[in-house]
C-alpha atoms as a PDB file:
ATOM      1  CA  MET A   1     264.415 160.802  89.048  1.00  0.00           C
ATOM      2  CA  ASN A   2     263.172 163.923  90.755  1.00  0.00           C
ATOM      3  CA  ALA A   3     264.852 165.575  93.744  1.00  0.00           C
ATOM      4  CA  GLY A   4     263.191 162.902  96.197  1.00  0.00           C
ATOM      5  CA  GLY A   5     266.632 161.124  96.517  1.00  0.00           C
ATOM      6  CA  ARG A   6     268.348 163.994  97.500  1.00  0.00           C
ATOM      7  CA  VAL A   7     265.604 164.949  99.970  1.00  0.00           C
ATOM      8  CA  LEU A   8     266.039 161.499 101.603  1.00  0.00           C
ATOM      9  CA  ALA A   9     269.697 161.843 101.610  1.00  0.00           C
ATOM     10  CA  GLY A  10     269.526 165.042 103.409  1.00  0.00           C
ATOM     11  CA  ASP A  11     266.665 163.713 106.008  1.00  0.00           C
ATOM     12  CA  PRO A  12     268.006 163.501 109.431  1.00  0.00           C
ATOM     13  CA  GLY A  13     266.281 160.163 109.982  1.00  0.00           C
ATOM     14  CA  THR A  14     266.996 158.414 106.820  1.00  0.00           C
ATOM     15  CA  GLY A  15     270.048 160.382 105.235  1.00  0.00           C
ATOM     16  CA  VAL A  16     272.592 158.302 106.741  1.00  0.00           C
ATOM     17  CA  LEU A  17     271.163 155.187 105.779  1.00  0.00           C
ATOM     18  CA  VAL A  18     270.511 156.253 102.033  1.00  0.00           C
ATOM     19  CA  ARG A  19     274.069 157.797 101.810  1.00  0.00           C
ATOM     20  CA  ARG A  20     275.586 154.479 103.219  1.00  0.00           C
ATOM     21  CA  GLN A  21     273.594 152.274 100.936  1.00  0.00           C
ATOM     22  CA  LEU A  22     274.700 154.536  97.760  1.00  0.00           C
ATOM     23  CA  GLY A  23     278.214 154.354  98.897  1.00  0.00           C
ATOM     24  CA  ALA A  24     278.351 150.706  99.265  1.00  0.00           C
ATOM     25  CA  ALA A  25     276.453 149.857  95.840  1.00  0.00           C
ATOM     26  CA  ASP A  26     278.759 148.013  93.165  1.00  0.00           C
ATOM     27  CA  MET A  27     275.815 148.992  90.761  1.00  0.00           C
ATOM     28  CA  ILE A  28     272.980 151.718  90.864  1.00  0.00           C
ATOM     29  CA  VAL A  29     269.992 151.426  88.617  1.00  0.00           C
ATOM     30  CA  LEU A  30     268.377 154.796  87.388  1.00  0.00           C
ATOM     31  CA  ASN A  31     264.689 153.605  86.509  1.00  0.00           C
ATOM     32  CA  LYS A  32     262.427 155.687  84.621  1.00  0.00           C
ATOM     33  CA  THR A  33     264.967 157.502  82.657  1.00  0.00           C
ATOM     34  CA  ASP A  34     262.717 157.903  79.725  1.00  0.00           C
ATOM     35  CA  LEU A  35     260.657 160.304  81.692  1.00  0.00           C
ATOM     36  CA  VAL A  36     263.347 163.165  82.423  1.00  0.00           C
ATOM     37  CA  THR A  37     265.382 165.363  80.384  1.00  0.00           C
ATOM     38  CA  SER A  38     268.913 164.724  79.815  1.00  0.00           C
ATOM     39  CA  SER A  39     270.043 167.501  82.081  1.00  0.00           C
ATOM     40  CA  GLU A  40     268.143 165.926  84.848  1.00  0.00           C
ATOM     41  CA  LYS A  41     269.757 162.486  83.990  1.00  0.00           C
ATOM     42  CA  ASP A  42     273.146 164.429  84.167  1.00  0.00           C
ATOM     43  CA  ALA A  43     272.319 166.071  87.245  1.00  0.00           C
ATOM     44  CA  VAL A  44     271.612 162.659  88.910  1.00  0.00           C
ATOM     45  CA  HIS A  45     274.601 160.908  87.708  1.00  0.00           C
ATOM     46  CA  ASP A  46     276.745 163.739  89.015  1.00  0.00           C
ATOM     47  CA  TRP A  47     275.098 163.492  92.277  1.00  0.00           C
ATOM     48  CA  ILE A  48     275.560 159.726  92.560  1.00  0.00           C
ATOM     49  CA  SER A  49     278.896 159.802  91.332  1.00  0.00           C
ATOM     50  CA  GLU A  50     279.805 162.069  94.324  1.00  0.00           C
ATOM     51  CA  LEU A  51     278.077 159.605  96.822  1.00  0.00           C
ATOM     52  CA  ALA A  52     279.192 156.346  95.092  1.00  0.00           C
ATOM     53  CA  PRO A  53     282.392 157.039  92.931  1.00  0.00           C
ATOM     54  CA  GLY A  54     283.364 153.370  92.133  1.00  0.00           C
ATOM     55  CA  ALA A  55     279.591 152.353  91.304  1.00  0.00           C
ATOM     56  CA  ARG A  56     278.292 151.384  87.991  1.00  0.00           C
ATOM     57  CA  ILE A  57     275.440 153.659  86.978  1.00  0.00           C
ATOM     58  CA  VAL A  58     273.025 151.646  84.799  1.00  0.00           C
ATOM     59  CA  GLU A  59     270.042 153.658  82.985  1.00  0.00           C
ATOM     60  CA  ALA A  60     266.648 151.625  82.622  1.00  0.00           C
ATOM     61  CA  THR A  61     263.271 151.995  81.566  1.00  0.00           C
ATOM     62  CA  HIS A  62     260.588 149.672  83.258  1.00  0.00           C
ATOM     63  CA  GLY A  63     263.149 148.506  85.504  1.00  0.00           C
ATOM     64  CA  ARG A  64     264.860 146.325  82.747  1.00  0.00           C
ATOM     65  CA  VAL A  65     268.515 145.947  83.385  1.00  0.00           C
ATOM     66  CA  PRO A  66     270.605 143.814  80.896  1.00  0.00           C
ATOM     67  CA  THR A  67     271.106 140.307  82.326  1.00  0.00           C
ATOM     68  CA  GLU A  68     274.814 140.362  81.533  1.00  0.00           C
ATOM     69  CA  LEU A  69     275.500 143.306  83.770  1.00  0.00           C
ATOM     70  CA  VAL A  70     273.924 141.750  86.869  1.00  0.00           C
ATOM     71  CA  LEU A  71     275.788 138.412  86.087  1.00  0.00           C
ATOM     72  CA  LEU A  72     279.032 140.154  85.471  1.00  0.00           C
ATOM     73  CA  LEU A  73     278.748 141.983  89.103  1.00  0.00           C
ATOM     74  CA  ARG A  74     277.937 138.547  90.620  1.00  0.00           C
ATOM     75  CA  THR A  75     280.496 136.307  88.808  1.00  0.00           C
ATOM     76  CA  GLN A  76     283.408 138.536  88.256  1.00  0.00           C
ATOM     77  CA  ARG A  77     285.419 139.323  91.585  1.00  0.00           C
ATOM     78  CA  LEU A  78     285.707 143.128  91.734  1.00  0.00           C
ATOM     79  CA  PRO A  79     288.557 144.537  93.936  1.00  0.00           C
ATOM     80  CA  PRO A  80     287.059 145.895  97.200  1.00  0.00           C
ATOM     81  CA  ARG A  81     286.416 149.829  97.332  1.00  0.00           C
ATOM     82  CA  PRO A  82     288.605 151.710  99.525  1.00  0.00           C
ATOM     83  CA  GLY A  83     287.195 151.668 103.094  1.00  0.00           C
ATOM     84  CA  ARG A  84     285.069 148.444 102.247  1.00  0.00           C
ATOM     85  CA  ARG A  85     285.890 144.867 103.408  1.00  0.00           C
ATOM     86  CA  ALA A  86     286.514 142.314 100.841  1.00  0.00           C
ATOM     87  CA  ASP A  87     284.032 139.605 100.343  1.00  0.00           C
ATOM     88  CA  PRO A  88     284.566 136.615 102.408  1.00  0.00           C
ATOM     89  CA  THR A  89     283.868 134.082  99.934  1.00  0.00           C
END
């Protein structure tokens, strides 16, 4: 969780795509959270919360995300976020 994500988000070639993907996310997984300080995690949380205010942010180590979180997002109908089309199914 270094500044790499922020660098990509500000890149003229990929920045729009990175910001669009973060903004459309229902859940964002922050992996390798065991390798950074709590102040670095807080900074990343703040930055992502600005780009994706409605997304659930989940911290993980070794890519492990609790299954119930992923299944909840797939089975529970979440209301569409502002400016986003509703799921057609």
